[in-house]
C-alpha atoms as a PDB file:
ATOM      1  CA  UNK A   1     188.788 229.128 -55.162  1.00  0.00           C
ATOM      2  CA  UNK A   2     190.883 226.114 -55.612  1.00  0.00           C
ATOM      3  CA  UNK A   3     189.232 222.581 -56.295  1.00  0.00           C
ATOM      4  CA  UNK A   4     191.336 219.804 -54.950  1.00  0.00           C
ATOM      5  CA  UNK A   5     191.270 216.155 -55.730  1.00  0.00           C
ATOM      6  CA  UNK A   6     193.255 213.573 -53.808  1.00  0.00           C
ATOM      7  CA  UNK A   7     193.951 210.282 -55.064  1.00  0.00           C
ATOM      8  CA  UNK A   8     195.257 207.306 -53.315  1.00  0.00           C
ATOM      9  CA  UNK A   9     195.155 203.513 -53.163  1.00  0.00           C
ATOM     10  CA  UNK A  10     192.632 202.086 -51.044  1.00  0.00           C
ATOM     11  CA  UNK A  11     193.157 201.011 -47.573  1.00  0.00           C
ATOM     12  CA  UNK A  12     196.466 203.130 -47.476  1.00  0.00           C
ATOM     13  CA  UNK A  13     194.909 206.080 -45.304  1.00  0.00           C
ATOM     14  CA  UNK A  14     192.274 205.989 -42.507  1.00  0.00           C
ATOM     15  CA  UNK A  15     189.797 208.720 -42.041  1.00  0.00           C
ATOM     16  CA  UNK A  16     191.638 210.535 -39.204  1.00  0.00           C
ATOM     17  CA  UNK A  17     194.646 210.781 -41.802  1.00  0.00           C
ATOM     18  CA  UNK A  18     192.661 211.920 -44.835  1.00  0.00           C
ATOM     19  CA  UNK A  19     191.198 214.797 -42.321  1.00  0.00           C
ATOM     20  CA  UNK A  20     194.765 215.729 -41.424  1.00  0.00           C
ATOM     21  CA  UNK A  21     195.688 215.574 -45.419  1.00  0.00           C
ATOM     22  CA  UNK A  22     192.695 217.924 -46.073  1.00  0.00           C
ATOM     23  CA  UNK A  23     193.740 220.406 -43.295  1.00  0.00           C
ATOM     24  CA  UNK A  24     197.212 220.329 -44.343  1.00  0.00           C
ATOM     25  CA  UNK A  25     196.427 221.213 -47.937  1.00  0.00           C
ATOM     26  CA  UNK A  26     194.097 224.153 -46.841  1.00  0.00           C
ATOM     27  CA  UNK A  27     196.723 225.639 -44.545  1.00  0.00           C
ATOM     28  CA  UNK A  28     199.295 225.421 -47.361  1.00  0.00           C
ATOM     29  CA  UNK A  29     197.026 227.079 -49.658  1.00  0.00           C
ATOM     30  CA  UNK A  30     196.149 229.965 -47.191  1.00  0.00           C
ATOM     31  CA  UNK A  31     199.669 230.520 -46.582  1.00  0.00           C
ATOM     32  CA  UNK A  32     201.073 230.573 -50.051  1.00  0.00           C
ATOM     33  CA  UNK A  33     198.242 231.275 -52.431  1.00  0.00           C
ATOM     34  CA  UNK A  34     196.284 233.712 -49.857  1.00  0.00           C
ATOM     35  CA  UNK A  35     193.033 231.356 -50.301  1.00  0.00           C
ATOM     36  CA  UNK A  36     190.221 232.482 -47.982  1.00  0.00           C
ATOM     37  CA  UNK A  37     189.734 230.207 -45.062  1.00  0.00           C
ATOM     38  CA  UNK A  38     186.252 229.564 -46.249  1.00  0.00           C
ATOM     39  CA  UNK A  39     187.213 228.555 -49.745  1.00  0.00           C
ATOM     40  CA  UNK A  40     187.433 224.843 -49.185  1.00  0.00           C
ATOM     41  CA  UNK A  41     186.302 222.406 -51.925  1.00  0.00           C
ATOM     42  CA  UNK A  42     187.988 219.085 -51.756  1.00  0.00           C
ATOM     43  CA  UNK A  43     187.213 215.488 -53.041  1.00  0.00           C
ATOM     44  CA  UNK A  44     189.153 212.426 -51.884  1.00  0.00           C
ATOM     45  CA  UNK A  45     189.255 209.265 -54.083  1.00  0.00           C
ATOM     46  CA  UNK A  46     190.438 205.659 -53.001  1.00  0.00           C
ATOM     47  CA  UNK A  47     191.389 203.638 -56.101  1.00  0.00           C
ATOM     48  CA  UNK A  48     191.532 199.744 -56.453  1.00  0.00           C
ATOM     49  CA  UNK A  49     195.062 198.577 -57.217  1.00  0.00           C
ATOM     50  CA  UNK A  50     194.497 198.126 -60.821  1.00  0.00           C
ATOM     51  CA  UNK A  51     193.022 201.634 -61.208  1.00  0.00           C
ATOM     52  CA  UNK A  52     196.290 203.405 -59.421  1.00  0.00           C
ATOM     53  CA  UNK A  53     199.074 203.206 -61.943  1.00  0.00           C
ATOM     54  CA  UNK A  54     202.448 205.031 -61.299  1.00  0.00           C
ATOM     55  CA  UNK A  55     206.044 204.792 -61.933  1.00  0.00           C
ATOM     56  CA  UNK A  56     208.023 203.996 -58.861  1.00  0.00           C
ATOM     57  CA  UNK A  57     211.007 205.888 -59.907  1.00  0.00           C
ATOM     58  CA  UNK A  58     210.332 208.506 -62.606  1.00  0.00           C
ATOM     59  CA  UNK A  59     212.951 211.262 -62.279  1.00  0.00           C
ATOM     60  CA  UNK A  60     214.713 209.364 -59.682  1.00  0.00           C
ATOM     61  CA  UNK A  61     212.035 209.874 -56.946  1.00  0.00           C
ATOM     62  CA  UNK A  62     211.510 206.628 -55.171  1.00  0.00           C
ATOM     63  CA  UNK A  63     207.451 206.048 -54.798  1.00  0.00           C
ATOM     64  CA  UNK A  64     205.548 203.777 -52.599  1.00  0.00           C
ATOM     65  CA  UNK A  65     201.848 202.565 -52.370  1.00  0.00           C
ATOM     66  CA  UNK A  66     201.474 205.358 -49.983  1.00  0.00           C
ATOM     67  CA  UNK A  67     201.445 207.714 -52.852  1.00  0.00           C
ATOM     68  CA  UNK A  68     199.042 210.621 -52.851  1.00  0.00           C
ATOM     69  CA  UNK A  69     198.087 212.562 -56.149  1.00  0.00           C
ATOM     70  CA  UNK A  70     196.977 216.000 -55.200  1.00  0.00           C
ATOM     71  CA  UNK A  71     195.476 217.954 -58.100  1.00  0.00           C
ATOM     72  CA  UNK A  72     195.048 221.566 -57.362  1.00  0.00           C
ATOM     73  CA  UNK A  73     192.824 223.491 -59.977  1.00  0.00           C
ATOM     74  CA  UNK A  74     192.878 227.134 -59.383  1.00  0.00           C
ATOM     75  CA  UNK A  75     193.095 230.641 -60.822  1.00  0.00           C
ATOM     76  CA  UNK A  76     196.143 231.227 -62.779  1.00  0.00           C
ATOM     77  CA  UNK A  77     198.558 233.983 -61.638  1.00  0.00           C
ATOM     78  CA  UNK A  78     200.720 232.429 -58.967  1.00  0.00           C
ATOM     79  CA  UNK A  79     204.461 232.868 -59.215  1.00  0.00           C
ATOM     80  CA  UNK A  80     206.852 230.125 -59.661  1.00  0.00           C
ATOM     81  CA  UNK A  81     208.010 231.073 -56.069  1.00  0.00           C
ATOM     82  CA  UNK A  82     204.545 230.697 -54.746  1.00  0.00           C
ATOM     83  CA  UNK A  83     204.094 227.158 -56.255  1.00  0.00           C
ATOM     84  CA  UNK A  84     207.418 225.889 -55.504  1.00  0.00           C
ATOM     85  CA  UNK A  85     206.978 227.073 -51.804  1.00  0.00           C
ATOM     86  CA  UNK A  86     203.689 225.397 -51.814  1.00  0.00           C
ATOM     87  CA  UNK A  87     205.020 222.091 -52.838  1.00  0.00           C
ATOM     88  CA  UNK A  88     207.963 222.119 -50.355  1.00  0.00           C
ATOM     89  CA  UNK A  89     205.350 222.921 -47.451  1.00  0.00           C
ATOM     90  CA  UNK A  90     203.045 220.146 -48.480  1.00  0.00           C
ATOM     91  CA  UNK A  91     205.816 217.507 -48.689  1.00  0.00           C
ATOM     92  CA  UNK A  92     207.237 218.643 -45.357  1.00  0.00           C
ATOM     93  CA  UNK A  93     204.036 218.987 -43.438  1.00  0.00           C
ATOM     94  CA  UNK A  94     202.445 215.867 -44.688  1.00  0.00           C
ATOM     95  CA  UNK A  95     205.564 213.957 -44.040  1.00  0.00           C
ATOM     96  CA  UNK A  96     205.691 215.002 -40.455  1.00  0.00           C
ATOM     97  CA  UNK A  97     201.931 215.190 -39.562  1.00  0.00           C
ATOM     98  CA  UNK A  98     200.929 211.745 -40.856  1.00  0.00           C
ATOM     99  CA  UNK A  99     203.824 210.623 -41.137  1.00  0.00           C
ATOM    100  CA  UNK A 100     204.216 209.750 -44.673  1.00  0.00           C
ATOM    101  CA  UNK A 101     207.165 209.700 -47.108  1.00  0.00           C
ATOM    102  CA  UNK A 102     207.901 213.115 -48.823  1.00  0.00           C
ATOM    103  CA  UNK A 103     208.582 211.231 -52.080  1.00  0.00           C
ATOM    104  CA  UNK A 104     205.035 210.161 -52.051  1.00  0.00           C
ATOM    105  CA  UNK A 105     203.757 213.726 -52.026  1.00  0.00           C
ATOM    106  CA  UNK A 106     202.995 214.214 -55.841  1.00  0.00           C
ATOM    107  CA  UNK A 107     201.281 217.717 -56.725  1.00  0.00           C
ATOM    108  CA  UNK A 108     199.716 219.077 -60.234  1.00  0.00           C
ATOM    109  CA  UNK A 109     198.578 222.642 -60.592  1.00  0.00           C
ATOM    110  CA  UNK A 110     195.993 223.206 -63.183  1.00  0.00           C
ATOM    111  CA  UNK A 111     195.542 227.022 -63.868  1.00  0.00           C
ATOM    112  CA  UNK A 112     192.158 228.247 -64.922  1.00  0.00           C
ATOM    113  CA  UNK A 113     190.388 231.705 -65.422  1.00  0.00           C
ATOM    114  CA  UNK A 114     187.537 233.368 -63.783  1.00  0.00           C
ATOM    115  CA  UNK A 115     185.023 232.151 -66.615  1.00  0.00           C
ATOM    116  CA  UNK A 116     185.952 228.652 -66.167  1.00  0.00           C
ATOM    117  CA  UNK A 117     184.090 228.509 -62.659  1.00  0.00           C
ATOM    118  CA  UNK A 118     180.462 228.150 -61.546  1.00  0.00           C
ATOM    119  CA  UNK A 119     179.869 227.543 -57.893  1.00  0.00           C
ATOM    120  CA  UNK A 120     176.261 226.721 -58.259  1.00  0.00           C
ATOM    121  CA  UNK A 121     173.223 228.180 -59.747  1.00  0.00           C
ATOM    122  CA  UNK A 122     174.616 228.240 -63.413  1.00  0.00           C
ATOM    123  CA  UNK A 123     176.297 231.455 -62.607  1.00  0.00           C
ATOM    124  CA  UNK A 124     179.932 232.469 -63.175  1.00  0.00           C
ATOM    125  CA  UNK A 125     180.282 233.953 -59.797  1.00  0.00           C
ATOM    126  CA  UNK A 126     183.856 234.948 -60.092  1.00  0.00           C
ATOM    127  CA  UNK A 127     183.169 237.074 -63.321  1.00  0.00           C
ATOM    128  CA  UNK A 128     180.307 238.771 -61.514  1.00  0.00           C
ATOM    129  CA  UNK A 129     182.844 239.697 -58.717  1.00  0.00           C
ATOM    130  CA  UNK A 130     185.365 240.947 -61.050  1.00  0.00           C
ATOM    131  CA  UNK A 131     182.776 243.373 -62.651  1.00  0.00           C
ATOM    132  CA  UNK A 132     181.301 244.588 -59.220  1.00  0.00           C
ATOM    133  CA  UNK A 133     184.850 245.448 -58.069  1.00  0.00           C
ATOM    134  CA  UNK A 134     185.548 247.574 -61.159  1.00  0.00           C
END
């Protein structure tokens, strides 16, 4: 049930590259977070230069205008190992398949609970699933 937001500087990536980014994120989520194949909800945002602000060298990471902000909102409960493996896989695979720089893969995880999700119809479907499974 992850919800993915990818932000980037406009004109840095073409549509075929965005498709590959989407696929790579999904593959990593399936491998590291055991996300079902059809649980894919992603939004891509291209930003004008004045809307895309970042430190070029915070924590000694040399970033460029090819920077991708990848925000993954998902159910809490993943281990530190799962999270760090996900980060490494995303940086490695994106840098080889696009190609892009590993330094430009910025990932933020936002943990939530089942009651924080409605997939439509004004219903908290994940709460219903856990009640039905009990």
